Protein backbone atom coordinates (compact mmCIF):
# COMPACT_ATOMS: atom_id res chain seq x y z
CA MET A 1 124.35 89.96 75.09
CA THR A 2 124.04 89.95 79.04
CA GLN A 3 121.11 90.11 80.89
CA ALA A 4 120.06 92.38 83.11
CA ILE A 5 121.22 91.83 86.65
CA ALA A 6 118.78 92.16 89.47
CA CYS A 7 119.63 93.50 93.02
CA ILE A 8 118.60 93.71 96.68
CA TRP A 9 120.10 95.54 99.43
CA GLY A 10 119.92 96.16 102.79
CA TRP A 11 119.20 92.22 103.43
CA ALA A 12 119.17 91.20 107.10
CA GLY A 13 118.48 87.15 106.49
CA HIS A 14 120.95 84.43 107.08
CA ILE A 15 120.12 82.86 103.86
CA ALA A 16 120.24 84.67 100.71
CA PRO A 17 117.07 84.79 98.34
CA SER A 18 116.43 82.72 95.29
CA ALA A 19 117.77 84.34 92.00
CA GLU A 20 113.72 84.36 91.30
CA LYS A 21 112.85 86.29 94.61
CA VAL A 22 115.83 89.00 93.96
CA ARG A 23 114.33 89.36 90.49
CA ALA A 24 110.76 89.97 91.73
CA ALA A 25 111.83 92.26 94.35
CA ALA A 26 113.90 94.12 92.25
CA ALA A 27 110.43 94.83 89.64
CA ARG A 28 108.42 96.22 93.00
CA GLY A 29 111.61 98.63 94.09
CA GLY A 30 112.20 100.02 97.02
CA ALA A 31 115.78 99.28 98.25
CA ALA A 32 115.70 97.04 95.03
CA ALA A 33 116.72 97.98 91.43
CA SER A 34 117.69 95.86 87.87
CA PHE A 35 120.18 96.94 85.81
CA GLU A 36 120.98 96.30 82.12
CA PRO A 37 124.54 96.25 81.19
CA GLY A 38 124.74 99.41 78.64
CA ALA A 39 121.75 100.30 78.96
CA THR A 40 120.86 101.56 82.44
CA PRO A 41 123.12 104.31 83.70
CA ALA A 42 125.24 104.19 86.63
CA LEU A 43 123.78 104.53 90.40
CA ARG A 44 125.07 107.42 91.45
CA LEU A 45 125.04 109.28 95.00
CA ALA A 46 123.12 111.77 92.94
CA SER A 47 120.55 109.54 90.87
CA ASP A 48 117.16 110.02 91.02
CA ASP A 49 115.95 106.89 92.51
CA GLY A 50 112.13 108.40 94.21
CA ARG A 51 113.67 110.48 96.94
CA ARG A 52 111.68 113.79 97.68
CA HIS A 53 111.90 116.15 100.13
CA ARG A 54 109.77 119.23 101.51
CA PRO A 55 111.25 122.49 100.80
CA GLU A 56 111.75 122.52 104.51
CA THR A 57 114.24 119.76 104.70
CA LEU A 58 116.47 120.84 101.73
CA ALA A 59 116.82 123.84 103.86
CA ASP A 60 118.16 121.82 106.86
CA LEU A 61 120.11 120.32 104.15
CA GLY A 62 122.06 123.59 102.79
CA ASP A 63 125.38 123.39 102.09
CA HIS A 64 127.81 120.30 100.75
CA THR A 65 128.91 119.01 103.67
CA ALA A 66 124.96 118.86 105.51
CA ARG A 67 124.39 116.80 102.08
CA LEU A 68 127.12 114.38 101.91
CA ALA A 69 126.61 113.84 105.66
CA ALA A 70 123.08 112.89 104.55
CA VAL A 71 123.81 110.44 101.90
CA ARG A 72 126.48 108.71 104.07
CA ALA A 73 123.73 108.69 106.82
CA GLU A 74 121.29 107.28 104.51
CA ALA A 75 123.92 103.96 102.78
CA GLY A 76 124.63 103.41 106.82
CA ARG A 77 120.92 102.87 107.67
CA HIS A 78 121.60 99.57 105.09
CA ALA A 79 124.49 98.42 106.96
CA ASP A 80 124.86 96.15 109.40
CA LEU A 81 125.16 98.17 112.69
CA PHE A 82 127.40 95.52 113.83
CA SER A 83 129.57 95.33 111.63
CA ARG A 84 132.73 97.28 112.08
CA SER A 85 134.40 96.09 108.77
CA GLN A 86 131.41 97.95 107.04
CA ARG A 87 131.67 101.02 108.86
CA LEU A 88 135.42 101.49 107.90
CA PHE A 89 134.49 100.86 104.47
CA LEU A 90 132.05 103.47 103.62
CA ASP A 91 133.18 105.89 105.91
CA GLY A 92 137.00 105.23 103.91
CA TYR A 93 134.69 105.25 100.80
CA PHE A 94 132.81 108.68 101.70
CA ARG A 95 136.35 110.42 102.61
CA PHE A 96 137.99 108.78 99.19
CA VAL A 97 135.21 110.43 97.74
CA GLU A 98 136.18 113.75 98.92
CA GLU A 99 139.63 113.94 98.46
CA ALA A 100 139.73 112.07 94.79
CA VAL A 101 137.92 115.51 93.90
CA ALA A 102 139.60 117.84 96.09
CA GLY A 103 142.58 116.19 93.72
CA GLU A 104 141.47 117.02 90.98
CA ALA A 105 139.99 120.25 91.79
CA ASP A 106 141.78 122.43 88.73
CA ALA A 107 141.11 119.76 86.29
CA LEU A 108 137.29 119.70 87.44
CA ALA A 109 137.14 123.61 87.37
CA GLY A 110 138.01 123.60 83.74
CA GLN A 111 135.25 120.27 83.22
CA ILE A 112 132.83 122.59 84.74
CA SER A 113 133.97 126.02 83.15
CA TRP A 114 130.96 126.38 80.97
CA SER A 115 128.43 127.14 84.14
CA GLY A 116 129.80 129.94 84.88
CA GLY A 117 131.14 129.42 88.32
CA LEU A 118 127.08 127.96 89.08
CA PHE A 119 128.94 124.46 89.95
CA ALA A 120 131.99 124.44 91.89
CA PRO A 121 134.30 121.01 91.67
CA ALA A 122 133.21 119.99 94.73
CA ASP A 123 129.91 119.15 93.87
CA LEU A 124 131.02 116.36 91.61
CA VAL A 125 131.29 114.36 94.67
CA PHE A 126 127.72 113.16 93.99
CA ALA A 127 128.69 112.10 91.18
CA ALA A 128 130.59 108.96 92.81
CA LEU A 129 128.95 105.30 92.61
CA ARG A 130 126.06 104.94 95.55
CA PRO A 131 127.37 101.95 97.64
CA LEU A 132 124.35 99.24 98.22
CA PRO A 133 125.21 97.63 101.53
CA ARG A 134 124.28 94.27 101.97
CA ALA A 135 123.51 93.58 98.93
CA ILE A 136 122.33 90.27 97.18
CA VAL A 137 122.92 89.98 93.40
CA ALA A 138 121.18 87.76 90.97
CA ALA A 139 122.91 87.05 87.54
CA GLY A 140 121.33 84.76 85.45
CA ASP A 141 120.49 81.48 87.98
CA LYS A 142 123.60 83.01 90.13
CA ILE A 143 123.13 84.44 93.06
CA VAL A 144 126.25 86.90 94.69
CA ALA A 145 125.66 88.14 98.17
CA ALA A 146 128.31 91.20 99.06
CA ASP A 147 128.54 93.52 101.83
CA PHE A 148 128.74 96.32 99.16
CA ALA A 149 127.62 96.55 95.84
CA PHE A 150 128.06 99.37 93.13
CA TRP A 151 126.45 99.70 89.64
CA ASP A 152 128.69 101.46 87.15
CA GLY A 153 125.94 101.30 83.80
CA GLU A 154 128.28 97.74 82.73
CA ALA A 155 128.58 96.24 85.41
CA VAL A 156 128.16 95.26 89.28
CA THR A 157 131.09 95.43 91.33
CA ALA A 158 130.52 93.09 94.21
CA VAL A 159 132.53 93.84 97.29
CA SER A 160 133.06 91.96 100.48
CA VAL A 161 134.95 93.18 103.36
CA SER A 162 133.99 90.83 106.27
CA GLY A 163 134.63 86.82 106.88
CA THR A 164 136.77 85.44 104.12
CA PRO A 165 136.27 85.50 100.17
CA SER A 166 133.50 83.35 98.85
CA ASN A 167 135.27 83.24 95.54
CA ARG A 168 138.09 81.08 94.52
CA PRO A 169 140.77 82.96 93.06
CA GLY A 170 140.76 84.35 89.68
CA ASP A 171 136.92 83.46 89.84
CA ALA A 172 135.38 86.46 88.60
CA GLY A 173 132.02 85.77 89.38
CA PRO A 174 128.91 85.45 86.53
CA GLU A 175 128.82 87.74 83.86
CA GLY A 176 127.90 90.80 84.67
CA VAL A 177 129.11 90.98 88.02
CA ARG A 178 133.18 91.47 89.43
CA ARG A 179 133.54 90.43 92.94
CA ILE A 180 136.61 92.14 95.27
CA HIS A 181 137.86 90.85 98.39
CA VAL A 182 138.91 93.44 100.61
CA ALA A 183 140.97 91.96 103.86
CA PRO A 184 141.36 93.26 106.81
CA ALA A 185 144.98 94.36 106.91
CA GLU A 186 143.46 96.23 103.52
CA LEU A 187 140.76 98.11 105.43
CA ALA A 188 143.11 99.69 107.56
CA THR A 189 145.25 101.22 105.09
CA GLY A 190 142.03 103.52 104.78
CA LEU A 191 142.01 105.70 101.38
CA ALA A 192 144.62 103.60 99.78
CA ILE A 193 142.24 100.72 98.78
CA PHE A 194 140.32 102.46 96.39
CA ALA A 195 143.69 102.82 94.90
CA ASP A 196 143.43 99.11 93.91
CA PRO A 197 143.14 98.53 90.14
CA ARG A 198 140.76 95.96 91.65
CA PHE A 199 137.98 98.74 91.57
CA PRO A 200 136.92 99.50 87.87
CA PRO A 201 138.05 103.05 86.50
CA LYS A 202 134.16 104.05 87.15
CA LEU A 203 134.12 104.05 90.79
CA ARG A 204 137.57 105.16 91.00
CA ARG A 205 137.32 108.01 88.58
CA PHE A 206 133.71 108.55 89.37
CA PHE A 207 133.99 112.25 88.09
CA GLU A 208 134.99 111.71 84.60
CA GLY A 209 132.68 111.95 81.63
CA VAL A 210 130.17 114.17 83.96
CA ALA A 211 129.22 117.33 82.27
CA VAL A 212 126.51 118.73 84.83
CA PRO A 213 126.83 117.92 88.24
CA GLN A 214 123.93 116.91 90.28
CA GLY A 215 122.78 116.83 93.77
CA PRO A 216 120.85 113.69 95.73
CA PHE A 217 118.00 115.78 96.93
CA ARG A 218 115.10 117.41 94.77
CA PRO A 219 112.02 119.18 95.80
CA HIS A 220 109.26 117.36 96.65
CA GLY A 221 105.86 118.41 94.04
CA LEU A 222 107.88 119.80 90.98
CA PRO A 223 107.41 117.74 88.24
CA GLU A 224 110.03 116.09 86.63
CA LYS A 225 109.80 118.27 83.19
CA LEU A 226 108.37 121.61 82.77
CA GLU A 227 106.68 123.05 80.26
CA ALA A 228 108.21 125.88 78.59
């Protein structure tokens, strides 16, 4: 059985912390989490990570475009402001998410037809896996540093977009972590990189199996479960 995988993101240090410190940070929460393969749900743009907003704030994010832009800006705050490669990857990823849903609009309309029009295919963009910039992943006693990490419910995908690959060709990384290096020339291809089979199907086909679309923001002060 694969043990829990700890991850922190927004790491600005020059030296990666120890696996023990990453696990301790994940236990505290914040820009950190612990993932148990097969048990922890995929971390998506709409995942509830404790964010709450006043109704006035939600009113400012009243449409689909504004909400997606807010999520993109949030991810950008954890990225390296001076890394062109990270900016290109993030911009490409969010364009990919929108275009992937638009390209499957007819099929997705059938997937959510039960709602009688309450949901639209575009709402499924928030089912996309959440990118975690400048991530440090601890799997057992192994540490993997990545420009971005994604958790799909089964494994962490650790993506390097700057410098040279830290792993040897064919080295998939520790158990529960798949490593991908995207070269500068590949970044220049834009959305095409996300069709690459190196990226797992759960990242590329993020909308499959999502029965109920969810948004990324929830009103502050409302309980998770309301009594009938």
